Amino acid sequence: MIEHPSKSETQADFMAKKPPLWVPDHLSINCHKCDFEFTFFLRIHHCRNCGKSFCNRCSNHFRILPEYGYDKNVRVCIDCYMDKIELEDSSDDDLPLDSARRMETFRGV
């Protein structure tokens, strides 16, 4: 007989974490990164990964954030964007070498 996980177990496996709370607009006077003051023309944007307030220049990157339930690209700040790239790069280091790379390494190429 095949055992199926209970409904609560499957929901817990696929539930995304809650995204961070956004810094309220009325408390956001300056960009968190470059410190430029927000105005009618320099608009506030929120990073979907950290929730902080940024100008367009400092948050003009987009990533998929499945851990928060975002399955399409959403706005992230430059710091969160770079952190995600570094995490991806470090996880690539853990992958086994394919045969071509093994041969290059063996030959010292």
C-alpha atoms as a PDB file:
ATOM      1  CA  MET A   1       0.000   0.000   0.000  1.00  0.00           C
ATOM      2  CA  ILE A   2       1.329   3.454  -0.932  1.00  0.00           C
ATOM      3  CA  GLU A   3       1.455   5.935   1.910  1.00  0.00           C
ATOM      4  CA  HIS A   4       0.653   9.525   1.041  1.00  0.00           C
ATOM      5  CA  PRO A   5       1.862  12.371   3.219  1.00  0.00           C
ATOM      6  CA  SER A   6      -0.810  14.105   5.227  1.00  0.00           C
ATOM      7  CA  LYS A   7      -2.244  17.338   3.888  1.00  0.00           C
ATOM      8  CA  SER A   8      -0.418  19.393   6.523  1.00  0.00           C
ATOM      9  CA  GLU A   9       2.937  17.804   5.602  1.00  0.00           C
ATOM     10  CA  THR A  10       2.558  18.569   1.895  1.00  0.00           C
ATOM     11  CA  GLN A  11       1.433  22.129   2.570  1.00  0.00           C
ATOM     12  CA  ALA A  12       4.434  22.709   4.851  1.00  0.00           C
ATOM     13  CA  ASP A  13       6.799  21.368   2.169  1.00  0.00           C
ATOM     14  CA  PHE A  14       5.535  23.807  -0.455  1.00  0.00           C
ATOM     15  CA  MET A  15       4.677  26.856   1.623  1.00  0.00           C
ATOM     16  CA  ALA A  16       6.839  29.861   0.931  1.00  0.00           C
ATOM     17  CA  LYS A  17       8.314  31.928   3.731  1.00  0.00           C
ATOM     18  CA  LYS A  18       6.658  35.242   4.390  1.00  0.00           C
ATOM     19  CA  PRO A  19       8.462  38.031   2.542  1.00  0.00           C
ATOM     20  CA  PRO A  20      10.029  40.687   4.747  1.00  0.00           C
ATOM     21  CA  LEU A  21       7.866  43.622   5.742  1.00  0.00           C
ATOM     22  CA  TRP A  22       8.444  46.732   3.679  1.00  0.00           C
ATOM     23  CA  VAL A  23       9.741  49.853   5.370  1.00  0.00           C
ATOM     24  CA  PRO A  24       6.694  52.169   5.309  1.00  0.00           C
ATOM     25  CA  ASP A  25       6.917  54.971   2.757  1.00  0.00           C
ATOM     26  CA  HIS A  26       6.402  57.683   5.358  1.00  0.00           C
ATOM     27  CA  LEU A  27       9.511  56.432   7.205  1.00  0.00           C
ATOM     28  CA  SER A  28      11.582  56.268   4.028  1.00  0.00           C
ATOM     29  CA  ILE A  29      13.162  59.657   3.524  1.00  0.00           C
ATOM     30  CA  ASN A  30      16.374  58.586   1.753  1.00  0.00           C
ATOM     31  CA  CYS A  31      17.527  55.676  -0.384  1.00  0.00           C
ATOM     32  CA  HIS A  32      18.983  52.982   1.850  1.00  0.00           C
ATOM     33  CA  LYS A  33      21.985  52.550  -0.489  1.00  0.00           C
ATOM     34  CA  CYS A  34      22.960  55.940  -1.992  1.00  0.00           C
ATOM     35  CA  ASP A  35      21.239  58.163   0.596  1.00  0.00           C
ATOM     36  CA  PHE A  36      19.561  60.369  -2.047  1.00  0.00           C
ATOM     37  CA  GLU A  37      16.423  62.009  -0.715  1.00  0.00           C
ATOM     38  CA  PHE A  38      13.137  60.740  -2.146  1.00  0.00           C
ATOM     39  CA  THR A  39      11.054  63.362  -3.950  1.00  0.00           C
ATOM     40  CA  PHE A  40       8.080  63.433  -6.267  1.00  0.00           C
ATOM     41  CA  PHE A  41      10.507  62.659  -9.114  1.00  0.00           C
ATOM     42  CA  LEU A  42      12.871  60.314  -7.239  1.00  0.00           C
ATOM     43  CA  ARG A  43      10.410  57.588  -6.314  1.00  0.00           C
ATOM     44  CA  ILE A  44      10.568  54.955  -3.577  1.00  0.00           C
ATOM     45  CA  HIS A  45      10.976  51.311  -4.615  1.00  0.00           C
ATOM     46  CA  HIS A  46      10.998  48.380  -2.194  1.00  0.00           C
ATOM     47  CA  CYS A  47      13.312  45.400  -2.486  1.00  0.00           C
ATOM     48  CA  ARG A  48      11.197  42.240  -2.387  1.00  0.00           C
ATOM     49  CA  ASN A  49      14.038  40.349  -0.717  1.00  0.00           C
ATOM     50  CA  CYS A  50      14.951  42.657   2.194  1.00  0.00           C
ATOM     51  CA  GLY A  51      12.003  45.089   2.299  1.00  0.00           C
ATOM     52  CA  LYS A  52      14.147  48.238   2.462  1.00  0.00           C
ATOM     53  CA  SER A  53      13.488  51.402   0.415  1.00  0.00           C
ATOM     54  CA  PHE A  54      15.658  52.304  -2.568  1.00  0.00           C
ATOM     55  CA  CYS A  55      15.740  54.671  -5.525  1.00  0.00           C
ATOM     56  CA  ASN A  56      15.350  53.158  -8.995  1.00  0.00           C
ATOM     57  CA  ARG A  57      19.103  53.218  -9.665  1.00  0.00           C
ATOM     58  CA  CYS A  58      19.867  51.167  -6.538  1.00  0.00           C
ATOM     59  CA  SER A  59      17.024  48.684  -7.036  1.00  0.00           C
ATOM     60  CA  ASN A  60      17.007  48.221 -10.779  1.00  0.00           C
ATOM     61  CA  HIS A  61      17.606  44.455 -10.662  1.00  0.00           C
ATOM     62  CA  PHE A  62      15.138  41.616 -10.870  1.00  0.00           C
ATOM     63  CA  ARG A  63      15.230  38.045  -9.540  1.00  0.00           C
ATOM     64  CA  ILE A  64      12.885  35.134  -9.029  1.00  0.00           C
ATOM     65  CA  LEU A  65      12.485  34.567  -5.284  1.00  0.00           C
ATOM     66  CA  PRO A  66      10.809  31.159  -4.899  1.00  0.00           C
ATOM     67  CA  GLU A  67      11.490  31.146  -1.158  1.00  0.00           C
ATOM     68  CA  TYR A  68       8.949  33.984  -0.866  1.00  0.00           C
ATOM     69  CA  GLY A  69       6.518  32.591  -3.425  1.00  0.00           C
ATOM     70  CA  TYR A  70       7.614  34.866  -6.297  1.00  0.00           C
ATOM     71  CA  ASP A  71       7.792  32.681  -9.392  1.00  0.00           C
ATOM     72  CA  LYS A  72       8.408  35.651 -11.720  1.00  0.00           C
ATOM     73  CA  ASN A  73      11.126  38.294 -11.634  1.00  0.00           C
ATOM     74  CA  VAL A  74      10.583  40.903  -8.938  1.00  0.00           C
ATOM     75  CA  ARG A  75      12.503  44.041  -7.982  1.00  0.00           C
ATOM     76  CA  VAL A  76      15.502  43.568  -5.687  1.00  0.00           C
ATOM     77  CA  CYS A  77      18.210  45.960  -4.523  1.00  0.00           C
ATOM     78  CA  ILE A  78      21.773  45.697  -5.781  1.00  0.00           C
ATOM     79  CA  ASP A  79      22.999  44.142  -2.504  1.00  0.00           C
ATOM     80  CA  CYS A  80      20.384  41.371  -2.511  1.00  0.00           C
ATOM     81  CA  TYR A  81      20.959  40.790  -6.222  1.00  0.00           C
ATOM     82  CA  MET A  82      24.701  40.349  -5.681  1.00  0.00           C
ATOM     83  CA  ASP A  83      24.160  38.151  -2.601  1.00  0.00           C
ATOM     84  CA  LYS A  84      21.966  35.811  -4.670  1.00  0.00           C
ATOM     85  CA  ILE A  85      24.602  35.623  -7.426  1.00  0.00           C
ATOM     86  CA  GLU A  86      27.317  34.811  -4.873  1.00  0.00           C
ATOM     87  CA  LEU A  87      25.126  32.066  -3.377  1.00  0.00           C
ATOM     88  CA  GLU A  88      24.548  30.579  -6.826  1.00  0.00           C
ATOM     89  CA  ASP A  89      28.263  30.720  -7.624  1.00  0.00           C
ATOM     90  CA  SER A  90      29.230  29.047  -4.354  1.00  0.00           C
ATOM     91  CA  SER A  91      26.684  26.272  -4.903  1.00  0.00           C
ATOM     92  CA  ASP A  92      28.228  25.636  -8.349  1.00  0.00           C
ATOM     93  CA  ASP A  93      31.556  24.924  -6.622  1.00  0.00           C
ATOM     94  CA  ASP A  94      29.933  21.993  -4.823  1.00  0.00           C
ATOM     95  CA  LEU A  95      28.921  20.296  -8.082  1.00  0.00           C
ATOM     96  CA  PRO A  96      31.064  17.403  -9.325  1.00  0.00           C
ATOM     97  CA  LEU A  97      33.378  18.162 -12.224  1.00  0.00           C
ATOM     98  CA  ASP A  98      32.238  16.845 -15.585  1.00  0.00           C
ATOM     99  CA  SER A  99      34.640  14.591 -17.464  1.00  0.00           C
ATOM    100  CA  ALA A 100      36.034  17.371 -19.700  1.00  0.00           C
ATOM    101  CA  ARG A 101      36.837  19.596 -16.735  1.00  0.00           C
ATOM    102  CA  ARG A 102      38.345  16.597 -14.923  1.00  0.00           C
ATOM    103  CA  MET A 103      40.691  15.991 -17.860  1.00  0.00           C
ATOM    104  CA  GLU A 104      41.695  19.668 -17.980  1.00  0.00           C
ATOM    105  CA  THR A 105      42.405  19.624 -14.276  1.00  0.00           C
ATOM    106  CA  PHE A 106      44.365  16.376 -14.571  1.00  0.00           C
ATOM    107  CA  ARG A 107      46.485  17.724 -17.454  1.00  0.00           C
ATOM    108  CA  GLY A 108      47.000  21.026 -15.714  1.00  0.00           C
ATOM    109  CA  VAL A 109      45.330  22.950 -18.534  1.00  0.00           C
END
